């Protein structure tokens, strides 16, 4: 049986999520790193794999699939992974889907845009940070994090129930990304902080492996601007 080929870069939140999932769920794969900083995603070779020029992408014996959520669901249906990741029970599966659909325009959008506007785009474009826009994005992101704290994690161990699922892997990677912009999403949020520890502990040592590059960038940010700053 041909091994799953996984195109990724661990600077990407969805790439980290899939990496941790494949490792923890014992899905064998051959990793191919796409150097985003060198623009390898814009080459003709990679465009033939994904015309949207983004990671992650999988090639499962000639079947190419993009979009991390679609990939996670596909792997759970196709490979022999533990049921708790994406339960076959209709109600439990719907609870996982509930968060995954919500997060697109909340956790994913808010955390990613905050990082992009505060750090990545100013560096790439050589322009100063638009502080007003960043403040607006931070306010919206804080609202989303508070919703996770007070609603999604209310009386639950994990986001979609009392067992870890693909919801939690997607979420922790998006939330962690804000640390590269000098923000501590877990400060003053005990439910979120405890959930982070449970999720990271369950995923260890792959959580640490996947986040090694993130922690390097967090350290660089801290050295340049000081400690993580939360405006809560």
C-alpha atoms as a PDB file:
ATOM      1  CA  UNK A   1       0.000   0.000   0.000  1.00  0.00           C
ATOM      2  CA  UNK A   2       1.378   3.400  -1.002  1.00  0.00           C
ATOM      3  CA  UNK A   3       2.207   5.709   1.849  1.00  0.00           C
ATOM      4  CA  UNK A   4       0.244   8.926   2.307  1.00  0.00           C
ATOM      5  CA  UNK A   5       2.242  11.927   1.090  1.00  0.00           C
ATOM      6  CA  UNK A   6       1.803  15.057   3.193  1.00  0.00           C
ATOM      7  CA  UNK A   7       2.818  18.500   1.905  1.00  0.00           C
ATOM      8  CA  UNK A   8       3.128  20.915   4.789  1.00  0.00           C
ATOM      9  CA  UNK A   9       5.015  23.595   6.665  1.00  0.00           C
ATOM     10  CA  UNK A  10       4.850  23.749  10.452  1.00  0.00           C
ATOM     11  CA  UNK A  11       4.612  27.542  10.425  1.00  0.00           C
ATOM     12  CA  UNK A  12       1.064  26.897   9.200  1.00  0.00           C
ATOM     13  CA  UNK A  13      -1.535  26.241  11.883  1.00  0.00           C
ATOM     14  CA  UNK A  14      -3.466  23.613   9.856  1.00  0.00           C
ATOM     15  CA  UNK A  15      -0.175  21.943   8.939  1.00  0.00           C
ATOM     16  CA  UNK A  16       0.709  21.571  12.602  1.00  0.00           C
ATOM     17  CA  UNK A  17      -2.743  20.193  13.347  1.00  0.00           C
ATOM     18  CA  UNK A  18      -2.499  17.495  10.688  1.00  0.00           C
ATOM     19  CA  UNK A  19       1.076  16.629  11.680  1.00  0.00           C
ATOM     20  CA  UNK A  20       0.048  16.039  15.294  1.00  0.00           C
ATOM     21  CA  UNK A  21      -3.034  14.089  14.254  1.00  0.00           C
ATOM     22  CA  UNK A  22      -1.157  11.799  11.858  1.00  0.00           C
ATOM     23  CA  UNK A  23       1.486  11.106  14.504  1.00  0.00           C
ATOM     24  CA  UNK A  24      -0.893  10.549  17.423  1.00  0.00           C
ATOM     25  CA  UNK A  25      -3.419   8.529  15.397  1.00  0.00           C
ATOM     26  CA  UNK A  26      -0.563   6.452  13.925  1.00  0.00           C
ATOM     27  CA  UNK A  27      -1.372   7.284  10.323  1.00  0.00           C
ATOM     28  CA  UNK A  28       1.799   6.534   8.315  1.00  0.00           C
ATOM     29  CA  UNK A  29       2.860   9.328   6.011  1.00  0.00           C
ATOM     30  CA  UNK A  30       5.768  10.692   4.020  1.00  0.00           C
ATOM     31  CA  UNK A  31       6.264  14.346   4.844  1.00  0.00           C
ATOM     32  CA  UNK A  32       7.268  16.868   2.182  1.00  0.00           C
ATOM     33  CA  UNK A  33       8.054  20.320   3.558  1.00  0.00           C
ATOM     34  CA  UNK A  34       7.062  23.248   1.348  1.00  0.00           C
ATOM     35  CA  UNK A  35       9.324  26.215   2.159  1.00  0.00           C
ATOM     36  CA  UNK A  36       6.822  29.055   2.376  1.00  0.00           C
ATOM     37  CA  UNK A  37       9.463  31.672   3.161  1.00  0.00           C
ATOM     38  CA  UNK A  38      11.256  30.815  -0.088  1.00  0.00           C
ATOM     39  CA  UNK A  39       7.996  30.875  -2.035  1.00  0.00           C
ATOM     40  CA  UNK A  40       7.974  27.197  -2.992  1.00  0.00           C
ATOM     41  CA  UNK A  41       4.168  27.277  -2.824  1.00  0.00           C
ATOM     42  CA  UNK A  42       4.202  29.545  -5.895  1.00  0.00           C
ATOM     43  CA  UNK A  43       6.221  27.230  -8.110  1.00  0.00           C
ATOM     44  CA  UNK A  44       4.604  25.581 -11.111  1.00  0.00           C
ATOM     45  CA  UNK A  45       5.353  22.185  -9.571  1.00  0.00           C
ATOM     46  CA  UNK A  46       3.388  22.938  -6.418  1.00  0.00           C
ATOM     47  CA  UNK A  47       0.623  24.777  -8.282  1.00  0.00           C
ATOM     48  CA  UNK A  48      -0.017  21.523 -10.149  1.00  0.00           C
ATOM     49  CA  UNK A  49      -0.638  19.913  -6.738  1.00  0.00           C
ATOM     50  CA  UNK A  50      -2.713  22.750  -5.289  1.00  0.00           C
ATOM     51  CA  UNK A  51      -3.795  25.601  -7.589  1.00  0.00           C
ATOM     52  CA  UNK A  52      -4.594  27.683  -4.495  1.00  0.00           C
ATOM     53  CA  UNK A  53      -0.852  27.583  -3.659  1.00  0.00           C
ATOM     54  CA  UNK A  54      -1.319  26.776   0.010  1.00  0.00           C
ATOM     55  CA  UNK A  55      -0.502  24.020   2.473  1.00  0.00           C
ATOM     56  CA  UNK A  56      -1.477  21.498   3.715  1.00  0.00           C
ATOM     57  CA  UNK A  57      -2.168  19.020   0.929  1.00  0.00           C
ATOM     58  CA  UNK A  58      -2.280  15.223   0.915  1.00  0.00           C
ATOM     59  CA  UNK A  59      -1.732  12.743  -1.869  1.00  0.00           C
ATOM     60  CA  UNK A  60      -3.330   9.445  -0.931  1.00  0.00           C
ATOM     61  CA  UNK A  61      -2.273   7.047  -3.660  1.00  0.00           C
ATOM     62  CA  UNK A  62      -3.079   9.556  -6.402  1.00  0.00           C
ATOM     63  CA  UNK A  63      -6.009  11.211  -4.653  1.00  0.00           C
ATOM     64  CA  UNK A  64      -5.107  14.832  -3.880  1.00  0.00           C
ATOM     65  CA  UNK A  65      -7.022  16.702  -1.203  1.00  0.00           C
ATOM     66  CA  UNK A  66      -6.667  20.234   0.120  1.00  0.00           C
ATOM     67  CA  UNK A  67      -8.250  21.977   3.136  1.00  0.00           C
ATOM     68  CA  UNK A  68      -7.331  20.688   6.577  1.00  0.00           C
ATOM     69  CA  UNK A  69     -10.871  19.986   7.807  1.00  0.00           C
ATOM     70  CA  UNK A  70     -11.701  17.956   4.714  1.00  0.00           C
ATOM     71  CA  UNK A  71      -8.420  16.061   5.095  1.00  0.00           C
ATOM     72  CA  UNK A  72      -9.098  15.260   8.754  1.00  0.00           C
ATOM     73  CA  UNK A  73     -12.593  13.968   8.027  1.00  0.00           C
ATOM     74  CA  UNK A  74     -11.344  11.936   5.062  1.00  0.00           C
ATOM     75  CA  UNK A  75      -8.554  10.304   7.071  1.00  0.00           C
ATOM     76  CA  UNK A  76     -10.959   9.455   9.909  1.00  0.00           C
ATOM     77  CA  UNK A  77     -13.346   7.792   7.451  1.00  0.00           C
ATOM     78  CA  UNK A  78     -10.667   6.017   5.413  1.00  0.00           C
ATOM     79  CA  UNK A  79      -7.983   4.983   7.881  1.00  0.00           C
ATOM     80  CA  UNK A  80      -8.204   2.863  11.007  1.00  0.00           C
ATOM     81  CA  UNK A  81      -8.058   5.579  13.671  1.00  0.00           C
ATOM     82  CA  UNK A  82      -9.624   5.670  17.126  1.00  0.00           C
ATOM     83  CA  UNK A  83     -13.317   6.538  17.011  1.00  0.00           C
ATOM     84  CA  UNK A  84     -13.059   9.453  19.444  1.00  0.00           C
ATOM     85  CA  UNK A  85     -11.287  11.590  16.847  1.00  0.00           C
ATOM     86  CA  UNK A  86     -14.394  11.806  14.649  1.00  0.00           C
ATOM     87  CA  UNK A  87     -17.069   9.490  16.064  1.00  0.00           C
ATOM     88  CA  UNK A  88     -19.253   7.340  13.851  1.00  0.00           C
ATOM     89  CA  UNK A  89     -22.189   7.965  16.213  1.00  0.00           C
ATOM     90  CA  UNK A  90     -24.294  10.622  14.480  1.00  0.00           C
ATOM     91  CA  UNK A  91     -24.876  12.808  17.540  1.00  0.00           C
ATOM     92  CA  UNK A  92     -21.241  12.766  18.662  1.00  0.00           C
ATOM     93  CA  UNK A  93     -20.038  13.405  15.121  1.00  0.00           C
ATOM     94  CA  UNK A  94     -22.428  16.344  14.818  1.00  0.00           C
ATOM     95  CA  UNK A  95     -20.968  17.820  18.000  1.00  0.00           C
ATOM     96  CA  UNK A  96     -17.507  17.714  16.448  1.00  0.00           C
ATOM     97  CA  UNK A  97     -18.830  19.211  13.219  1.00  0.00           C
ATOM     98  CA  UNK A  98     -20.581  21.936  15.215  1.00  0.00           C
ATOM     99  CA  UNK A  99     -17.287  23.362  16.447  1.00  0.00           C
ATOM    100  CA  UNK A 100     -15.457  22.786  13.160  1.00  0.00           C
ATOM    101  CA  UNK A 101     -18.078  24.781  11.235  1.00  0.00           C
ATOM    102  CA  UNK A 102     -18.118  27.565  13.848  1.00  0.00           C
ATOM    103  CA  UNK A 103     -14.374  27.949  13.978  1.00  0.00           C
ATOM    104  CA  UNK A 104     -13.957  28.961  10.324  1.00  0.00           C
ATOM    105  CA  UNK A 105     -15.300  32.467  10.919  1.00  0.00           C
ATOM    106  CA  UNK A 106     -14.329  32.703  14.580  1.00  0.00           C
ATOM    107  CA  UNK A 107     -11.234  30.986  15.986  1.00  0.00           C
ATOM    108  CA  UNK A 108      -9.551  30.521  12.615  1.00  0.00           C
ATOM    109  CA  UNK A 109     -10.389  33.916  11.183  1.00  0.00           C
ATOM    110  CA  UNK A 110      -9.838  35.974  14.326  1.00  0.00           C
ATOM    111  CA  UNK A 111      -6.588  34.429  15.554  1.00  0.00           C
ATOM    112  CA  UNK A 112      -5.040  34.230  12.093  1.00  0.00           C
ATOM    113  CA  UNK A 113      -5.954  37.783  11.080  1.00  0.00           C
ATOM    114  CA  UNK A 114      -4.558  39.156  14.331  1.00  0.00           C
ATOM    115  CA  UNK A 115      -1.216  37.459  13.679  1.00  0.00           C
ATOM    116  CA  UNK A 116      -1.163  38.407   9.994  1.00  0.00           C
ATOM    117  CA  UNK A 117      -1.900  42.088  10.571  1.00  0.00           C
ATOM    118  CA  UNK A 118       0.325  42.491  13.614  1.00  0.00           C
ATOM    119  CA  UNK A 119       3.366  40.504  12.467  1.00  0.00           C
ATOM    120  CA  UNK A 120       3.515  38.725   9.125  1.00  0.00           C
ATOM    121  CA  UNK A 121       2.109  41.191   6.596  1.00  0.00           C
ATOM    122  CA  UNK A 122       4.000  44.248   7.922  1.00  0.00           C
ATOM    123  CA  UNK A 123       7.256  42.257   7.721  1.00  0.00           C
ATOM    124  CA  UNK A 124       6.514  40.916   4.246  1.00  0.00           C
ATOM    125  CA  UNK A 125       5.345  44.270   2.880  1.00  0.00           C
ATOM    126  CA  UNK A 126       7.903  46.407   4.678  1.00  0.00           C
ATOM    127  CA  UNK A 127       5.171  48.622   6.093  1.00  0.00           C
ATOM    128  CA  UNK A 128       4.422  49.743   9.661  1.00  0.00           C
ATOM    129  CA  UNK A 129       1.760  47.966  11.698  1.00  0.00           C
ATOM    130  CA  UNK A 130      -1.705  49.493  11.405  1.00  0.00           C
ATOM    131  CA  UNK A 131      -2.251  49.813  15.136  1.00  0.00           C
ATOM    132  CA  UNK A 132      -5.898  50.817  14.788  1.00  0.00           C
ATOM    133  CA  UNK A 133      -6.709  47.770  12.703  1.00  0.00           C
ATOM    134  CA  UNK A 134      -4.777  45.489  15.059  1.00  0.00           C
ATOM    135  CA  UNK A 135      -6.701  46.895  18.036  1.00  0.00           C
ATOM    136  CA  UNK A 136      -9.992  46.145  16.269  1.00  0.00           C
ATOM    137  CA  UNK A 137      -8.881  42.607  15.477  1.00  0.00           C
ATOM    138  CA  UNK A 138      -7.644  42.051  19.019  1.00  0.00           C
ATOM    139  CA  UNK A 139     -11.006  43.109  20.431  1.00  0.00           C
ATOM    140  CA  UNK A 140     -12.840  40.648  18.172  1.00  0.00           C
ATOM    141  CA  UNK A 141     -10.348  37.889  18.945  1.00  0.00           C
ATOM    142  CA  UNK A 142     -10.782  38.413  22.683  1.00  0.00           C
ATOM    143  CA  UNK A 143     -14.549  38.050  22.236  1.00  0.00           C
ATOM    144  CA  UNK A 144     -14.010  34.735  20.421  1.00  0.00           C
ATOM    145  CA  UNK A 145     -11.606  33.440  23.063  1.00  0.00           C
ATOM    146  CA  UNK A 146     -14.121  34.363  25.753  1.00  0.00           C
ATOM    147  CA  UNK A 147     -16.817  32.424  23.898  1.00  0.00           C
ATOM    148  CA  UNK A 148     -14.572  29.367  23.884  1.00  0.00           C
ATOM    149  CA  UNK A 149     -13.851  29.884  27.580  1.00  0.00           C
ATOM    150  CA  UNK A 150     -17.471  30.394  28.652  1.00  0.00           C
ATOM    151  CA  UNK A 151     -19.526  28.405  26.137  1.00  0.00           C
ATOM    152  CA  UNK A 152     -17.537  25.768  24.256  1.00  0.00           C
ATOM    153  CA  UNK A 153     -15.632  24.664  27.360  1.00  0.00           C
ATOM    154  CA  UNK A 154     -18.454  25.113  29.840  1.00  0.00           C
ATOM    155  CA  UNK A 155     -18.852  21.842  31.772  1.00  0.00           C
ATOM    156  CA  UNK A 156     -16.821  19.909  29.184  1.00  0.00           C
ATOM    157  CA  UNK A 157     -13.349  18.403  29.206  1.00  0.00           C
ATOM    158  CA  UNK A 158     -12.800  19.039  25.507  1.00  0.00           C
ATOM    159  CA  UNK A 159     -14.466  21.245  22.883  1.00  0.00           C
ATOM    160  CA  UNK A 160     -16.846  18.630  21.527  1.00  0.00           C
ATOM    161  CA  UNK A 161     -17.395  16.455  24.587  1.00  0.00           C
ATOM    162  CA  UNK A 162     -15.429  14.608  27.213  1.00  0.00           C
ATOM    163  CA  UNK A 163     -13.005  12.951  24.788  1.00  0.00           C
ATOM    164  CA  UNK A 164     -10.435  14.637  22.599  1.00  0.00           C
ATOM    165  CA  UNK A 165     -11.391  15.010  18.941  1.00  0.00           C
ATOM    166  CA  UNK A 166     -10.113  16.672  15.789  1.00  0.00           C
ATOM    167  CA  UNK A 167     -11.860  19.837  17.022  1.00  0.00           C
ATOM    168  CA  UNK A 168      -9.277  20.211  19.762  1.00  0.00           C
ATOM    169  CA  UNK A 169      -6.274  19.750  17.480  1.00  0.00           C
ATOM    170  CA  UNK A 170      -7.543  22.362  15.044  1.00  0.00           C
ATOM    171  CA  UNK A 171      -8.359  24.784  17.855  1.00  0.00           C
ATOM    172  CA  UNK A 172      -5.126  24.567  19.816  1.00  0.00           C
ATOM    173  CA  UNK A 173      -3.047  25.316  16.729  1.00  0.00           C
ATOM    174  CA  UNK A 174      -5.097  28.390  15.828  1.00  0.00           C
ATOM    175  CA  UNK A 175      -5.075  29.718  19.393  1.00  0.00           C
ATOM    176  CA  UNK A 176      -1.350  29.079  19.882  1.00  0.00           C
ATOM    177  CA  UNK A 177      -0.581  31.123  16.748  1.00  0.00           C
ATOM    178  CA  UNK A 178      -1.406  34.350  18.607  1.00  0.00           C
ATOM    179  CA  UNK A 179       1.644  33.809  20.821  1.00  0.00           C
ATOM    180  CA  UNK A 180       3.801  34.680  17.796  1.00  0.00           C
ATOM    181  CA  UNK A 181       2.161  38.112  17.894  1.00  0.00           C
ATOM    182  CA  UNK A 182       2.976  38.668  21.552  1.00  0.00           C
ATOM    183  CA  UNK A 183      -0.434  37.708  22.882  1.00  0.00           C
ATOM    184  CA  UNK A 184      -1.158  35.223  25.656  1.00  0.00           C
ATOM    185  CA  UNK A 185      -4.578  33.716  24.855  1.00  0.00           C
ATOM    186  CA  UNK A 186      -4.644  31.598  28.009  1.00  0.00           C
ATOM    187  CA  UNK A 187      -4.196  34.408  30.554  1.00  0.00           C
ATOM    188  CA  UNK A 188      -7.196  34.850  32.878  1.00  0.00           C
ATOM    189  CA  UNK A 189      -9.079  32.048  31.134  1.00  0.00           C
ATOM    190  CA  UNK A 190      -8.929  29.028  33.458  1.00  0.00           C
ATOM    191  CA  UNK A 191     -11.135  26.778  31.310  1.00  0.00           C
ATOM    192  CA  UNK A 192      -9.057  27.506  28.217  1.00  0.00           C
ATOM    193  CA  UNK A 193      -5.784  27.148  30.101  1.00  0.00           C
ATOM    194  CA  UNK A 194      -6.761  23.790  31.627  1.00  0.00           C
ATOM    195  CA  UNK A 195      -8.031  22.583  28.257  1.00  0.00           C
ATOM    196  CA  UNK A 196      -4.744  23.591  26.640  1.00  0.00           C
ATOM    197  CA  UNK A 197      -2.798  21.558  29.211  1.00  0.00           C
ATOM    198  CA  UNK A 198      -5.035  18.506  28.741  1.00  0.00           C
ATOM    199  CA  UNK A 199      -4.842  18.699  24.962  1.00  0.00           C
ATOM    200  CA  UNK A 200      -1.103  19.327  24.807  1.00  0.00           C
ATOM    201  CA  UNK A 201      -0.416  16.536  27.315  1.00  0.00           C
ATOM    202  CA  UNK A 202      -2.526  14.078  25.320  1.00  0.00           C
ATOM    203  CA  UNK A 203      -0.734  15.001  22.094  1.00  0.00           C
ATOM    204  CA  UNK A 204       2.756  14.904  23.618  1.00  0.00           C
ATOM    205  CA  UNK A 205       5.460  14.466  22.368  1.00  0.00           C
ATOM    206  CA  UNK A 206       4.055  15.440  18.967  1.00  0.00           C
ATOM    207  CA  UNK A 207       2.656  18.702  20.295  1.00  0.00           C
ATOM    208  CA  UNK A 208       6.180  19.773  21.251  1.00  0.00           C
ATOM    209  CA  UNK A 209       7.602  18.543  17.923  1.00  0.00           C
ATOM    210  CA  UNK A 210       5.060  20.430  15.863  1.00  0.00           C
ATOM    211  CA  UNK A 211       5.442  23.621  17.894  1.00  0.00           C
ATOM    212  CA  UNK A 212       9.227  23.783  17.949  1.00  0.00           C
ATOM    213  CA  UNK A 213       9.289  26.321  15.099  1.00  0.00           C
ATOM    214  CA  UNK A 214       6.475  28.334  16.700  1.00  0.00           C
ATOM    215  CA  UNK A 215       8.374  28.586  19.998  1.00  0.00           C
ATOM    216  CA  UNK A 216      11.454  29.837  18.151  1.00  0.00           C
ATOM    217  CA  UNK A 217       9.388  32.680  16.680  1.00  0.00           C
ATOM    218  CA  UNK A 218       7.752  33.398  20.048  1.00  0.00           C
ATOM    219  CA  UNK A 219      11.209  33.716  21.604  1.00  0.00           C
ATOM    220  CA  UNK A 220      12.296  36.087  18.816  1.00  0.00           C
ATOM    221  CA  UNK A 221       9.208  38.236  19.356  1.00  0.00           C
ATOM    222  CA  UNK A 222       9.747  38.317  23.108  1.00  0.00           C
ATOM    223  CA  UNK A 223      13.405  39.289  22.684  1.00  0.00           C
ATOM    224  CA  UNK A 224      12.464  42.143  20.383  1.00  0.00           C
ATOM    225  CA  UNK A 225       9.353  43.475  22.118  1.00  0.00           C
ATOM    226  CA  UNK A 226       9.353  42.003  25.631  1.00  0.00           C
ATOM    227  CA  UNK A 227       7.189  39.379  27.294  1.00  0.00           C
ATOM    228  CA  UNK A 228       3.846  38.208  25.960  1.00  0.00           C
ATOM    229  CA  UNK A 229       1.364  40.996  26.465  1.00  0.00           C
ATOM    230  CA  UNK A 230      -2.308  40.408  27.042  1.00  0.00           C
ATOM    231  CA  UNK A 231      -4.596  43.436  27.186  1.00  0.00           C
ATOM    232  CA  UNK A 232      -7.361  41.580  29.000  1.00  0.00           C
END
